[in-house]
Protein backbone atom coordinates (compact mmCIF):
# COMPACT_ATOMS: atom_id res chain seq x y z
CA MET A 1 99.93 60.15 31.87
CA THR A 2 99.74 60.87 28.14
CA ARG A 3 96.54 61.42 26.20
CA ARG A 4 97.06 58.13 24.42
CA GLU A 5 97.37 56.25 27.71
CA MET A 6 94.27 57.96 29.06
CA ARG A 7 92.32 57.11 25.91
CA LEU A 8 93.43 53.45 26.02
CA ARG A 9 92.47 53.21 29.69
CA GLU A 10 89.04 54.72 28.99
CA GLN A 11 88.46 52.34 26.07
CA ALA A 12 89.45 49.36 28.22
CA GLN A 13 86.97 50.45 30.89
CA ARG A 14 84.20 50.76 28.29
CA ARG A 15 84.94 47.29 26.93
CA ALA A 16 84.93 45.81 30.42
CA ALA A 17 81.56 47.43 31.20
CA THR A 18 80.08 46.31 27.89
CA GLY A 19 81.28 42.73 28.27
CA ALA A 20 79.54 42.44 31.63
CA MET A 21 76.12 43.11 30.09
CA PRO A 22 74.38 40.46 27.99
CA ALA A 23 73.86 41.45 24.37
CA VAL A 24 70.23 40.35 24.47
CA PRO A 25 68.28 40.70 27.71
CA ALA A 26 66.80 37.53 29.13
CA SER A 27 63.17 37.12 28.19
CA ALA A 28 60.32 35.56 30.05
CA PRO A 29 59.53 31.99 29.00
CA GLU A 30 56.89 31.81 26.30
CA PRO A 31 53.52 30.48 27.47
CA GLU A 32 52.52 27.10 26.14
CA PRO A 33 50.22 27.41 23.13
CA GLU A 34 46.66 26.39 23.66
CA PRO A 35 45.68 23.18 21.89
CA GLU A 36 44.19 24.07 18.54
CA GLU A 37 40.79 22.79 17.68
CA GLN A 38 40.67 20.42 14.77
CA GLN A 39 40.11 22.39 11.60
CA THR A 40 38.23 21.04 8.66
CA PRO A 41 39.23 22.01 5.13
CA SER A 42 36.17 24.26 4.86
CA SER A 43 36.96 26.13 8.10
CA ARG A 44 40.55 26.68 6.93
CA ALA A 45 39.27 28.01 3.62
CA ALA A 46 36.86 30.33 5.44
CA ALA A 47 39.70 31.63 7.62
CA TRP A 48 41.83 32.24 4.52
CA ARG A 49 39.01 34.14 2.79
CA GLN A 50 38.44 36.26 5.89
CA THR A 51 42.15 37.05 6.22
CA TRP A 52 42.54 38.12 2.61
CA GLY A 53 39.16 39.83 2.34
CA VAL A 54 37.78 37.51 -0.31
CA THR A 55 34.01 37.50 -0.21
CA GLY A 56 33.36 34.89 -2.88
CA SER A 57 30.85 37.11 -4.71
CA ASP A 58 33.49 38.64 -7.00
CA ASP A 59 35.08 35.91 -9.07
CA GLY A 60 36.73 38.35 -11.49
CA GLY A 61 35.10 36.69 -14.48
CA ASN A 62 37.30 33.62 -14.25
CA ARG A 63 35.01 30.66 -14.80
């Protein structure tokens, strides 16, 4: 058997092994999200301020 034939056989075996495996492993189903409590505009604004670190005391002189 020539080197070329051996290489082609080895490549074919690699392709066959690779094709048998899924590209992305199966994942567990995502849990259902908990029902969100109704947010008021003020609670959403408070959450935004907390996320971005805005305290409300520093307006930057923009009034």
